[in-house]
């Protein structure tokens, strides 16, 4: 099969690799659509020790099962593989499983390829009327769904349900969409990039600002840099919630004194539970996220150029979807 292989810092090669073979309880999946994630970009830049070269990246996938009892079934892929027997898994918090693995990290190759294998339990059926390019968004949307769910569960019932999202990339936009899907009508995205800001306003119909001036009861940091954490620390209302999902930088911007004196809740969030993933897929299928027409589609063979464009800041759309068979 053909695959886009991470060969080293800012180096990707599109070439033939060995076809994967499903283990017991797994299915072979023909990948029809796979998104480029911010974590793929971190690996591409050499900033993720969990993804050493050579490695096939990509974990936001949808496709068609090949062979077996579910042959021909259209599915979206939950890329998080867990043990299913530890306390975290048994309590529905699979994302905290100590044995968790995610495709695109060793030892599991990713989905920038024509085929992958996945356990049966990780596959969610996609209705025939839902494009697989939309279904591939279940993974990034689930990340934000999980973050928003935890933030709203932590928000004191006396506080106004109003939110600021820092960052208008895929996770930030997904957080804004998830907030609205969960009943938060007043949502603002802060995005400094003028081109992306214009697309968020014109195409995605979002309320977008470039500089934060007001304070908010809920702030979602979908960037995770010291500067965005500092903005969140400064602009969260007393008693409010900061939900942190971005992984841009490890340090800086956390105002522990203010969190303590103002009883601010700071939540770190990682991926999603299996139920979050299923709930997100259902919300895609029934249209609760609105039209998912804000992606850009490119052939997998042109994946290296797509990464270069993302690195250069030359992509306005929040998400590039690669198509292995285009």
C-alpha atoms as a PDB file:
ATOM      1  CA  UNK A   1       0.000   0.000   0.000  1.00  0.00           C
ATOM      2  CA  UNK A   2       0.957   3.658  -0.260  1.00  0.00           C
ATOM      3  CA  UNK A   3       1.583   5.691   2.875  1.00  0.00           C
ATOM      4  CA  UNK A   4       2.884   9.087   3.925  1.00  0.00           C
ATOM      5  CA  UNK A   5       5.816   8.334   6.231  1.00  0.00           C
ATOM      6  CA  UNK A   6       7.426  10.714   8.722  1.00  0.00           C
ATOM      7  CA  UNK A   7      11.149  10.233   8.079  1.00  0.00           C
ATOM      8  CA  UNK A   8      12.597  12.980  10.264  1.00  0.00           C
ATOM      9  CA  UNK A   9      12.210  16.639  11.161  1.00  0.00           C
ATOM     10  CA  UNK A  10      10.075  18.350   8.497  1.00  0.00           C
ATOM     11  CA  UNK A  11      10.541  15.360   6.183  1.00  0.00           C
ATOM     12  CA  UNK A  12       7.721  13.192   4.819  1.00  0.00           C
ATOM     13  CA  UNK A  13       7.918  10.546   2.112  1.00  0.00           C
ATOM     14  CA  UNK A  14       5.027   9.110   0.097  1.00  0.00           C
ATOM     15  CA  UNK A  15       5.948   5.533  -0.775  1.00  0.00           C
ATOM     16  CA  UNK A  16       5.081   1.845  -0.726  1.00  0.00           C
ATOM     17  CA  UNK A  17       4.999   0.141   2.673  1.00  0.00           C
ATOM     18  CA  UNK A  18       3.889  -3.289   3.868  1.00  0.00           C
ATOM     19  CA  UNK A  19       0.137  -3.839   4.080  1.00  0.00           C
ATOM     20  CA  UNK A  20      -1.116  -4.196   7.687  1.00  0.00           C
ATOM     21  CA  UNK A  21      -2.506  -7.534   8.859  1.00  0.00           C
ATOM     22  CA  UNK A  22      -5.411  -7.509  11.329  1.00  0.00           C
ATOM     23  CA  UNK A  23      -4.966  -9.429  14.579  1.00  0.00           C
ATOM     24  CA  UNK A  24      -7.765 -11.387  16.256  1.00  0.00           C
ATOM     25  CA  UNK A  25     -10.678  -9.086  16.968  1.00  0.00           C
ATOM     26  CA  UNK A  26      -9.455  -6.473  14.491  1.00  0.00           C
ATOM     27  CA  UNK A  27     -10.660  -5.323  11.080  1.00  0.00           C
ATOM     28  CA  UNK A  28      -8.787  -4.165   8.009  1.00  0.00           C
ATOM     29  CA  UNK A  29     -10.032  -0.707   7.023  1.00  0.00           C
ATOM     30  CA  UNK A  30      -9.621   1.032   3.695  1.00  0.00           C
ATOM     31  CA  UNK A  31      -8.912   4.633   4.724  1.00  0.00           C
ATOM     32  CA  UNK A  32     -11.007   7.094   2.722  1.00  0.00           C
ATOM     33  CA  UNK A  33     -10.320  10.276   4.695  1.00  0.00           C
ATOM     34  CA  UNK A  34      -7.803  11.277   7.369  1.00  0.00           C
ATOM     35  CA  UNK A  35      -7.258  14.671   8.963  1.00  0.00           C
ATOM     36  CA  UNK A  36      -4.008  16.421   9.830  1.00  0.00           C
ATOM     37  CA  UNK A  37      -3.928  17.101  13.576  1.00  0.00           C
ATOM     38  CA  UNK A  38      -1.876  19.617  15.516  1.00  0.00           C
ATOM     39  CA  UNK A  39      -0.101  16.678  17.154  1.00  0.00           C
ATOM     40  CA  UNK A  40       0.944  15.478  13.693  1.00  0.00           C
ATOM     41  CA  UNK A  41       2.468  18.919  13.173  1.00  0.00           C
ATOM     42  CA  UNK A  42       4.331  18.694  16.493  1.00  0.00           C
ATOM     43  CA  UNK A  43       5.800  15.365  15.423  1.00  0.00           C
ATOM     44  CA  UNK A  44       6.660  16.742  11.974  1.00  0.00           C
ATOM     45  CA  UNK A  45       8.635  19.537  13.637  1.00  0.00           C
ATOM     46  CA  UNK A  46      10.491  17.018  15.812  1.00  0.00           C
ATOM     47  CA  UNK A  47       8.754  18.136  19.012  1.00  0.00           C
ATOM     48  CA  UNK A  48       7.148  14.836  20.060  1.00  0.00           C
ATOM     49  CA  UNK A  49       9.393  12.152  21.509  1.00  0.00           C
ATOM     50  CA  UNK A  50       6.418   9.765  21.481  1.00  0.00           C
ATOM     51  CA  UNK A  51       6.507   9.787  17.675  1.00  0.00           C
ATOM     52  CA  UNK A  52      10.042   8.883  16.568  1.00  0.00           C
ATOM     53  CA  UNK A  53      10.853   8.527  12.861  1.00  0.00           C
ATOM     54  CA  UNK A  54      10.239   6.535  10.778  1.00  0.00           C
ATOM     55  CA  UNK A  55       6.523   6.392  11.535  1.00  0.00           C
ATOM     56  CA  UNK A  56       3.179   6.704   9.750  1.00  0.00           C
ATOM     57  CA  UNK A  57       1.330   9.550  11.446  1.00  0.00           C
ATOM     58  CA  UNK A  58      -2.405  10.348  11.301  1.00  0.00           C
ATOM     59  CA  UNK A  59      -5.217   9.305  13.638  1.00  0.00           C
ATOM     60  CA  UNK A  60      -8.346  11.176  12.465  1.00  0.00           C
ATOM     61  CA  UNK A  61      -9.690   8.550  10.095  1.00  0.00           C
ATOM     62  CA  UNK A  62     -12.787   7.162   8.451  1.00  0.00           C
ATOM     63  CA  UNK A  63     -13.111   4.432   5.858  1.00  0.00           C
ATOM     64  CA  UNK A  64     -14.632   1.116   4.836  1.00  0.00           C
ATOM     65  CA  UNK A  65     -14.156  -2.292   6.469  1.00  0.00           C
ATOM     66  CA  UNK A  66     -12.586  -4.872   4.166  1.00  0.00           C
ATOM     67  CA  UNK A  67     -13.675  -8.482   4.707  1.00  0.00           C
ATOM     68  CA  UNK A  68     -15.184 -10.295   7.665  1.00  0.00           C
ATOM     69  CA  UNK A  69     -18.659 -10.022   9.154  1.00  0.00           C
ATOM     70  CA  UNK A  70     -18.745  -6.220   8.736  1.00  0.00           C
ATOM     71  CA  UNK A  71     -17.381  -6.164   5.176  1.00  0.00           C
ATOM     72  CA  UNK A  72     -18.261  -2.958   3.334  1.00  0.00           C
ATOM     73  CA  UNK A  73     -19.424  -1.110   6.440  1.00  0.00           C
ATOM     74  CA  UNK A  74     -18.574   2.587   6.502  1.00  0.00           C
ATOM     75  CA  UNK A  75     -16.953   3.522   9.824  1.00  0.00           C
ATOM     76  CA  UNK A  76     -15.248   6.289  11.707  1.00  0.00           C
ATOM     77  CA  UNK A  77     -12.278   5.299  13.841  1.00  0.00           C
ATOM     78  CA  UNK A  78     -11.732   5.871  17.547  1.00  0.00           C
ATOM     79  CA  UNK A  79      -7.917   5.711  17.457  1.00  0.00           C
ATOM     80  CA  UNK A  80      -7.474   5.228  21.213  1.00  0.00           C
ATOM     81  CA  UNK A  81      -6.853   1.559  22.021  1.00  0.00           C
ATOM     82  CA  UNK A  82      -7.114   0.665  25.702  1.00  0.00           C
ATOM     83  CA  UNK A  83      -6.930  -2.451  27.875  1.00  0.00           C
ATOM     84  CA  UNK A  84     -10.653  -2.506  28.864  1.00  0.00           C
ATOM     85  CA  UNK A  85      -9.866  -4.181  32.239  1.00  0.00           C
ATOM     86  CA  UNK A  86      -8.176  -1.501  34.378  1.00  0.00           C
ATOM     87  CA  UNK A  87     -10.130   0.731  36.815  1.00  0.00           C
ATOM     88  CA  UNK A  88     -10.042   3.659  34.373  1.00  0.00           C
ATOM     89  CA  UNK A  89     -11.497   1.585  31.536  1.00  0.00           C
ATOM     90  CA  UNK A  90     -14.088  -0.069  33.757  1.00  0.00           C
ATOM     91  CA  UNK A  91     -15.262   3.344  35.000  1.00  0.00           C
ATOM     92  CA  UNK A  92     -15.690   4.756  31.489  1.00  0.00           C
ATOM     93  CA  UNK A  93     -12.516   6.865  31.578  1.00  0.00           C
ATOM     94  CA  UNK A  94     -10.651   4.919  28.925  1.00  0.00           C
ATOM     95  CA  UNK A  95      -8.514   7.932  28.055  1.00  0.00           C
ATOM     96  CA  UNK A  96      -6.740   7.523  31.411  1.00  0.00           C
ATOM     97  CA  UNK A  97      -5.891   3.850  30.838  1.00  0.00           C
ATOM     98  CA  UNK A  98      -2.227   3.281  31.809  1.00  0.00           C
ATOM     99  CA  UNK A  99      -1.873   0.913  28.843  1.00  0.00           C
ATOM    100  CA  UNK A 100      -3.486   3.266  26.313  1.00  0.00           C
ATOM    101  CA  UNK A 101      -2.143   3.345  22.784  1.00  0.00           C
ATOM    102  CA  UNK A 102      -3.136   5.621  19.948  1.00  0.00           C
ATOM    103  CA  UNK A 103      -2.485   4.992  16.292  1.00  0.00           C
ATOM    104  CA  UNK A 104       0.294   7.237  14.956  1.00  0.00           C
ATOM    105  CA  UNK A 105       2.410   6.478  18.034  1.00  0.00           C
ATOM    106  CA  UNK A 106       4.643   3.456  18.461  1.00  0.00           C
ATOM    107  CA  UNK A 107       3.815   0.605  18.432  1.00  0.00           C
ATOM    108  CA  UNK A 108       0.747   1.427  16.276  1.00  0.00           C
ATOM    109  CA  UNK A 109       1.260   2.956  12.846  1.00  0.00           C
ATOM    110  CA  UNK A 110      -1.112   5.726  11.843  1.00  0.00           C
ATOM    111  CA  UNK A 111      -3.728   6.408   9.197  1.00  0.00           C
ATOM    112  CA  UNK A 112      -1.798   8.451   6.612  1.00  0.00           C
ATOM    113  CA  UNK A 113      -2.030   5.263   4.594  1.00  0.00           C
ATOM    114  CA  UNK A 114      -4.387   3.369   2.336  1.00  0.00           C
ATOM    115  CA  UNK A 115      -5.148   0.760   5.017  1.00  0.00           C
ATOM    116  CA  UNK A 116      -5.098   0.431   8.797  1.00  0.00           C
ATOM    117  CA  UNK A 117      -6.223  -2.221  11.273  1.00  0.00           C
ATOM    118  CA  UNK A 118      -8.326  -1.483  14.342  1.00  0.00           C
ATOM    119  CA  UNK A 119     -10.191  -3.451  17.044  1.00  0.00           C
ATOM    120  CA  UNK A 120     -13.901  -3.955  16.391  1.00  0.00           C
ATOM    121  CA  UNK A 121     -14.878  -1.937  19.477  1.00  0.00           C
ATOM    122  CA  UNK A 122     -13.074   1.141  18.096  1.00  0.00           C
ATOM    123  CA  UNK A 123     -15.283   1.417  15.014  1.00  0.00           C
ATOM    124  CA  UNK A 124     -18.516   3.427  14.851  1.00  0.00           C
ATOM    125  CA  UNK A 125     -20.841   2.841  11.914  1.00  0.00           C
ATOM    126  CA  UNK A 126     -21.463   5.822   9.644  1.00  0.00           C
ATOM    127  CA  UNK A 127     -24.873   6.316   7.968  1.00  0.00           C
ATOM    128  CA  UNK A 128     -24.879   6.210   4.180  1.00  0.00           C
ATOM    129  CA  UNK A 129     -25.908   9.865   3.903  1.00  0.00           C
ATOM    130  CA  UNK A 130     -22.901  11.143   5.903  1.00  0.00           C
ATOM    131  CA  UNK A 131     -19.720  11.804   3.871  1.00  0.00           C
ATOM    132  CA  UNK A 132     -16.670  10.008   5.208  1.00  0.00           C
ATOM    133  CA  UNK A 133     -14.804  13.314   5.062  1.00  0.00           C
ATOM    134  CA  UNK A 134     -17.275  14.522   7.707  1.00  0.00           C
ATOM    135  CA  UNK A 135     -17.039  11.267   9.662  1.00  0.00           C
ATOM    136  CA  UNK A 136     -13.244  11.677   9.876  1.00  0.00           C
ATOM    137  CA  UNK A 137     -13.891  14.780  11.991  1.00  0.00           C
ATOM    138  CA  UNK A 138     -15.305  12.636  14.812  1.00  0.00           C
ATOM    139  CA  UNK A 139     -11.885  12.379  16.443  1.00  0.00           C
ATOM    140  CA  UNK A 140     -10.985  16.094  16.683  1.00  0.00           C
ATOM    141  CA  UNK A 141     -14.601  16.988  17.480  1.00  0.00           C
ATOM    142  CA  UNK A 142     -14.581  14.359  20.253  1.00  0.00           C
ATOM    143  CA  UNK A 143     -11.494  15.950  21.806  1.00  0.00           C
ATOM    144  CA  UNK A 144     -13.372  19.231  22.113  1.00  0.00           C
ATOM    145  CA  UNK A 145     -16.645  17.548  23.102  1.00  0.00           C
ATOM    146  CA  UNK A 146     -14.832  15.933  26.036  1.00  0.00           C
ATOM    147  CA  UNK A 147     -13.214  19.249  27.032  1.00  0.00           C
ATOM    148  CA  UNK A 148     -16.487  21.165  26.888  1.00  0.00           C
ATOM    149  CA  UNK A 149     -18.368  18.455  28.788  1.00  0.00           C
ATOM    150  CA  UNK A 150     -15.851  18.569  31.641  1.00  0.00           C
ATOM    151  CA  UNK A 151     -15.835  22.380  31.690  1.00  0.00           C
ATOM    152  CA  UNK A 152     -19.618  22.661  31.890  1.00  0.00           C
ATOM    153  CA  UNK A 153     -19.829  19.926  34.533  1.00  0.00           C
ATOM    154  CA  UNK A 154     -17.357  21.945  36.636  1.00  0.00           C
ATOM    155  CA  UNK A 155     -19.106  25.306  36.171  1.00  0.00           C
ATOM    156  CA  UNK A 156     -21.065  26.416  39.241  1.00  0.00           C
ATOM    157  CA  UNK A 157     -24.804  26.484  38.420  1.00  0.00           C
ATOM    158  CA  UNK A 158     -25.036  30.108  39.558  1.00  0.00           C
ATOM    159  CA  UNK A 159     -22.654  31.273  36.836  1.00  0.00           C
ATOM    160  CA  UNK A 160     -23.631  32.440  33.393  1.00  0.00           C
ATOM    161  CA  UNK A 161     -23.117  29.936  30.581  1.00  0.00           C
ATOM    162  CA  UNK A 162     -20.895  32.108  28.401  1.00  0.00           C
ATOM    163  CA  UNK A 163     -17.578  31.036  26.933  1.00  0.00           C
ATOM    164  CA  UNK A 164     -14.363  32.169  25.278  1.00  0.00           C
ATOM    165  CA  UNK A 165     -12.340  29.804  23.110  1.00  0.00           C
ATOM    166  CA  UNK A 166      -8.671  30.644  22.618  1.00  0.00           C
ATOM    167  CA  UNK A 167      -7.558  29.557  19.139  1.00  0.00           C
ATOM    168  CA  UNK A 168      -9.562  29.127  15.960  1.00  0.00           C
ATOM    169  CA  UNK A 169      -7.939  25.989  14.611  1.00  0.00           C
ATOM    170  CA  UNK A 170      -9.788  22.696  14.355  1.00  0.00           C
ATOM    171  CA  UNK A 171      -9.917  22.043  18.100  1.00  0.00           C
ATOM    172  CA  UNK A 172     -10.930  25.620  18.906  1.00  0.00           C
ATOM    173  CA  UNK A 173     -13.659  25.683  16.273  1.00  0.00           C
ATOM    174  CA  UNK A 174     -14.808  22.245  17.415  1.00  0.00           C
ATOM    175  CA  UNK A 175     -14.984  23.533  20.996  1.00  0.00           C
ATOM    176  CA  UNK A 176     -17.177  26.436  19.888  1.00  0.00           C
ATOM    177  CA  UNK A 177     -19.452  24.040  18.000  1.00  0.00           C
ATOM    178  CA  UNK A 178     -19.589  21.651  20.969  1.00  0.00           C
ATOM    179  CA  UNK A 179     -20.443  24.500  23.343  1.00  0.00           C
ATOM    180  CA  UNK A 180     -23.392  25.466  21.173  1.00  0.00           C
ATOM    181  CA  UNK A 181     -24.451  21.836  20.769  1.00  0.00           C
ATOM    182  CA  UNK A 182     -24.544  21.639  24.590  1.00  0.00           C
ATOM    183  CA  UNK A 183     -26.707  24.736  24.910  1.00  0.00           C
ATOM    184  CA  UNK A 184     -24.184  27.575  25.348  1.00  0.00           C
ATOM    185  CA  UNK A 185     -25.409  30.293  22.997  1.00  0.00           C
ATOM    186  CA  UNK A 186     -22.849  33.022  23.777  1.00  0.00           C
ATOM    187  CA  UNK A 187     -19.504  31.766  22.448  1.00  0.00           C
ATOM    188  CA  UNK A 188     -16.562  33.859  21.248  1.00  0.00           C
ATOM    189  CA  UNK A 189     -13.389  32.633  19.556  1.00  0.00           C
ATOM    190  CA  UNK A 190     -10.133  34.589  19.911  1.00  0.00           C
ATOM    191  CA  UNK A 191      -7.940  34.093  16.828  1.00  0.00           C
ATOM    192  CA  UNK A 192      -4.992  36.369  15.918  1.00  0.00           C
ATOM    193  CA  UNK A 193      -4.526  35.092  12.346  1.00  0.00           C
ATOM    194  CA  UNK A 194      -6.460  37.449  10.056  1.00  0.00           C
ATOM    195  CA  UNK A 195      -7.023  34.891   7.289  1.00  0.00           C
ATOM    196  CA  UNK A 196      -8.315  32.264   9.655  1.00  0.00           C
ATOM    197  CA  UNK A 197     -10.399  34.865  11.472  1.00  0.00           C
ATOM    198  CA  UNK A 198     -12.093  35.816   8.204  1.00  0.00           C
ATOM    199  CA  UNK A 199     -12.893  32.187   7.397  1.00  0.00           C
ATOM    200  CA  UNK A 200     -14.294  31.565  10.876  1.00  0.00           C
ATOM    201  CA  UNK A 201     -16.588  34.562  10.450  1.00  0.00           C
ATOM    202  CA  UNK A 202     -17.570  34.161   6.798  1.00  0.00           C
ATOM    203  CA  UNK A 203     -17.696  30.372   6.382  1.00  0.00           C
ATOM    204  CA  UNK A 204     -18.199  29.060   9.900  1.00  0.00           C
ATOM    205  CA  UNK A 205     -20.485  31.887  11.090  1.00  0.00           C
ATOM    206  CA  UNK A 206     -18.627  32.285  14.382  1.00  0.00           C
ATOM    207  CA  UNK A 207     -18.198  35.312  16.630  1.00  0.00           C
ATOM    208  CA  UNK A 208     -14.469  36.022  16.464  1.00  0.00           C
ATOM    209  CA  UNK A 209     -12.140  38.606  18.012  1.00  0.00           C
ATOM    210  CA  UNK A 210      -8.423  39.196  17.683  1.00  0.00           C
ATOM    211  CA  UNK A 211      -7.730  40.604  21.179  1.00  0.00           C
ATOM    212  CA  UNK A 212      -9.392  39.559  24.434  1.00  0.00           C
ATOM    213  CA  UNK A 213     -10.721  42.432  26.563  1.00  0.00           C
ATOM    214  CA  UNK A 214     -13.687  40.986  28.478  1.00  0.00           C
ATOM    215  CA  UNK A 215     -13.813  38.345  31.227  1.00  0.00           C
ATOM    216  CA  UNK A 216     -15.612  35.006  30.892  1.00  0.00           C
ATOM    217  CA  UNK A 217     -16.959  32.282  33.198  1.00  0.00           C
ATOM    218  CA  UNK A 218     -15.646  29.522  30.878  1.00  0.00           C
ATOM    219  CA  UNK A 219     -12.432  29.671  28.878  1.00  0.00           C
ATOM    220  CA  UNK A 220     -11.256  26.861  26.611  1.00  0.00           C
ATOM    221  CA  UNK A 221      -7.534  27.040  25.793  1.00  0.00           C
ATOM    222  CA  UNK A 222      -7.285  25.189  22.489  1.00  0.00           C
ATOM    223  CA  UNK A 223      -3.727  26.400  21.844  1.00  0.00           C
ATOM    224  CA  UNK A 224      -1.790  25.637  25.008  1.00  0.00           C
ATOM    225  CA  UNK A 225       0.998  28.197  24.815  1.00  0.00           C
ATOM    226  CA  UNK A 226       2.277  30.227  27.754  1.00  0.00           C
ATOM    227  CA  UNK A 227       0.706  33.324  26.220  1.00  0.00           C
ATOM    228  CA  UNK A 228      -2.744  31.730  25.883  1.00  0.00           C
ATOM    229  CA  UNK A 229      -2.592  30.346  29.420  1.00  0.00           C
ATOM    230  CA  UNK A 230      -1.712  33.856  30.615  1.00  0.00           C
ATOM    231  CA  UNK A 231      -4.705  35.243  28.722  1.00  0.00           C
ATOM    232  CA  UNK A 232      -6.978  32.601  30.234  1.00  0.00           C
ATOM    233  CA  UNK A 233      -5.588  33.294  33.725  1.00  0.00           C
ATOM    234  CA  UNK A 234      -6.193  37.027  33.348  1.00  0.00           C
ATOM    235  CA  UNK A 235      -9.678  36.854  31.824  1.00  0.00           C
ATOM    236  CA  UNK A 236     -11.467  34.052  33.666  1.00  0.00           C
ATOM    237  CA  UNK A 237     -14.102  35.334  36.081  1.00  0.00           C
ATOM    238  CA  UNK A 238     -13.770  34.554  39.792  1.00  0.00           C
ATOM    239  CA  UNK A 239     -15.183  31.086  40.365  1.00  0.00           C
ATOM    240  CA  UNK A 240     -14.916  30.322  36.665  1.00  0.00           C
ATOM    241  CA  UNK A 241     -13.417  27.417  34.739  1.00  0.00           C
ATOM    242  CA  UNK A 242     -10.396  27.127  32.463  1.00  0.00           C
ATOM    243  CA  UNK A 243     -10.331  23.919  30.405  1.00  0.00           C
ATOM    244  CA  UNK A 244      -6.931  23.307  28.859  1.00  0.00           C
ATOM    245  CA  UNK A 245      -6.704  21.061  25.791  1.00  0.00           C
ATOM    246  CA  UNK A 246      -3.928  22.612  23.675  1.00  0.00           C
ATOM    247  CA  UNK A 247      -0.407  21.170  23.819  1.00  0.00           C
ATOM    248  CA  UNK A 248       1.612  23.965  22.263  1.00  0.00           C
ATOM    249  CA  UNK A 249       4.108  24.510  25.115  1.00  0.00           C
ATOM    250  CA  UNK A 250       4.772  22.798  28.417  1.00  0.00           C
ATOM    251  CA  UNK A 251       5.436  25.830  30.622  1.00  0.00           C
ATOM    252  CA  UNK A 252       4.345  29.373  31.383  1.00  0.00           C
ATOM    253  CA  UNK A 253       1.176  31.391  31.884  1.00  0.00           C
ATOM    254  CA  UNK A 254      -0.378  29.587  34.854  1.00  0.00           C
ATOM    255  CA  UNK A 255      -1.382  32.052  37.603  1.00  0.00           C
ATOM    256  CA  UNK A 256      -1.684  29.719  40.589  1.00  0.00           C
ATOM    257  CA  UNK A 257      -2.137  32.589  43.048  1.00  0.00           C
ATOM    258  CA  UNK A 258      -5.165  33.910  41.154  1.00  0.00           C
ATOM    259  CA  UNK A 259      -6.603  30.393  40.767  1.00  0.00           C
ATOM    260  CA  UNK A 260      -6.356  29.973  44.539  1.00  0.00           C
ATOM    261  CA  UNK A 261      -7.625  33.373  45.665  1.00  0.00           C
ATOM    262  CA  UNK A 262     -10.474  33.449  43.104  1.00  0.00           C
ATOM    263  CA  UNK A 263     -11.367  29.735  43.267  1.00  0.00           C
ATOM    264  CA  UNK A 264     -10.747  29.217  39.572  1.00  0.00           C
ATOM    265  CA  UNK A 265     -11.057  25.638  38.362  1.00  0.00           C
ATOM    266  CA  UNK A 266      -8.282  24.608  35.957  1.00  0.00           C
ATOM    267  CA  UNK A 267      -8.901  21.327  34.124  1.00  0.00           C
ATOM    268  CA  UNK A 268      -6.421  19.525  31.934  1.00  0.00           C
ATOM    269  CA  UNK A 269      -8.215  17.408  29.337  1.00  0.00           C
ATOM    270  CA  UNK A 270      -6.913  14.604  27.138  1.00  0.00           C
ATOM    271  CA  UNK A 271      -8.673  12.939  24.192  1.00  0.00           C
ATOM    272  CA  UNK A 272     -12.083  11.491  25.179  1.00  0.00           C
ATOM    273  CA  UNK A 273     -13.877   8.522  26.634  1.00  0.00           C
ATOM    274  CA  UNK A 274     -15.369   5.906  24.331  1.00  0.00           C
ATOM    275  CA  UNK A 275     -18.805   7.326  25.187  1.00  0.00           C
ATOM    276  CA  UNK A 276     -17.657  10.853  24.310  1.00  0.00           C
ATOM    277  CA  UNK A 277     -16.531   9.536  20.926  1.00  0.00           C
ATOM    278  CA  UNK A 278     -19.868   7.809  20.284  1.00  0.00           C
ATOM    279  CA  UNK A 279     -21.794  10.896  21.425  1.00  0.00           C
ATOM    280  CA  UNK A 280     -19.724  13.093  19.120  1.00  0.00           C
ATOM    281  CA  UNK A 281     -20.304  10.792  16.155  1.00  0.00           C
ATOM    282  CA  UNK A 282     -24.057  10.866  16.854  1.00  0.00           C
ATOM    283  CA  UNK A 283     -23.971  14.674  16.963  1.00  0.00           C
ATOM    284  CA  UNK A 284     -22.236  14.732  13.562  1.00  0.00           C
ATOM    285  CA  UNK A 285     -24.781  12.344  12.089  1.00  0.00           C
ATOM    286  CA  UNK A 286     -27.805  14.316  13.286  1.00  0.00           C
ATOM    287  CA  UNK A 287     -26.387  17.713  12.322  1.00  0.00           C
ATOM    288  CA  UNK A 288     -25.867  19.252  15.761  1.00  0.00           C
ATOM    289  CA  UNK A 289     -22.453  20.603  14.718  1.00  0.00           C
ATOM    290  CA  UNK A 290     -23.975  22.340  11.721  1.00  0.00           C
ATOM    291  CA  UNK A 291     -22.514  22.113   8.212  1.00  0.00           C
ATOM    292  CA  UNK A 292     -18.985  20.729   8.333  1.00  0.00           C
ATOM    293  CA  UNK A 293     -17.969  22.631   5.228  1.00  0.00           C
ATOM    294  CA  UNK A 294     -14.891  24.316   6.682  1.00  0.00           C
ATOM    295  CA  UNK A 295     -12.348  21.655   5.719  1.00  0.00           C
ATOM    296  CA  UNK A 296      -9.914  21.549   2.824  1.00  0.00           C
ATOM    297  CA  UNK A 297      -9.413  18.260   0.956  1.00  0.00           C
ATOM    298  CA  UNK A 298      -6.133  17.170  -0.637  1.00  0.00           C
ATOM    299  CA  UNK A 299      -4.763  13.849  -1.949  1.00  0.00           C
ATOM    300  CA  UNK A 300      -2.558  11.925   0.480  1.00  0.00           C
ATOM    301  CA  UNK A 301       0.110  11.964  -2.232  1.00  0.00           C
ATOM    302  CA  UNK A 302       0.287  15.750  -1.719  1.00  0.00           C
ATOM    303  CA  UNK A 303       0.520  15.401   2.052  1.00  0.00           C
ATOM    304  CA  UNK A 304       4.098  16.661   2.329  1.00  0.00           C
ATOM    305  CA  UNK A 305       3.106  19.913   0.609  1.00  0.00           C
ATOM    306  CA  UNK A 306       0.117  20.238   2.947  1.00  0.00           C
ATOM    307  CA  UNK A 307       2.398  19.988   5.988  1.00  0.00           C
ATOM    308  CA  UNK A 308       4.727  22.619   4.547  1.00  0.00           C
ATOM    309  CA  UNK A 309       1.780  24.950   3.941  1.00  0.00           C
ATOM    310  CA  UNK A 310       0.540  24.453   7.503  1.00  0.00           C
ATOM    311  CA  UNK A 311       4.007  25.111   8.880  1.00  0.00           C
ATOM    312  CA  UNK A 312       4.214  28.324   6.862  1.00  0.00           C
ATOM    313  CA  UNK A 313       0.830  29.518   8.153  1.00  0.00           C
ATOM    314  CA  UNK A 314      -0.501  29.518   4.592  1.00  0.00           C
ATOM    315  CA  UNK A 315      -3.700  27.545   5.317  1.00  0.00           C
ATOM    316  CA  UNK A 316      -6.823  29.444   6.345  1.00  0.00           C
ATOM    317  CA  UNK A 317      -9.131  26.461   6.831  1.00  0.00           C
ATOM    318  CA  UNK A 318      -9.139  24.888  10.304  1.00  0.00           C
ATOM    319  CA  UNK A 319      -8.615  21.364   8.964  1.00  0.00           C
ATOM    320  CA  UNK A 320      -6.974  19.641   5.997  1.00  0.00           C
ATOM    321  CA  UNK A 321      -8.428  16.236   5.133  1.00  0.00           C
ATOM    322  CA  UNK A 322      -6.141  13.920   3.164  1.00  0.00           C
ATOM    323  CA  UNK A 323      -7.672  11.318   0.825  1.00  0.00           C
ATOM    324  CA  UNK A 324      -5.491   8.226   0.292  1.00  0.00           C
ATOM    325  CA  UNK A 325      -7.296   7.111  -2.868  1.00  0.00           C
ATOM    326  CA  UNK A 326      -7.603  10.483  -4.600  1.00  0.00           C
END
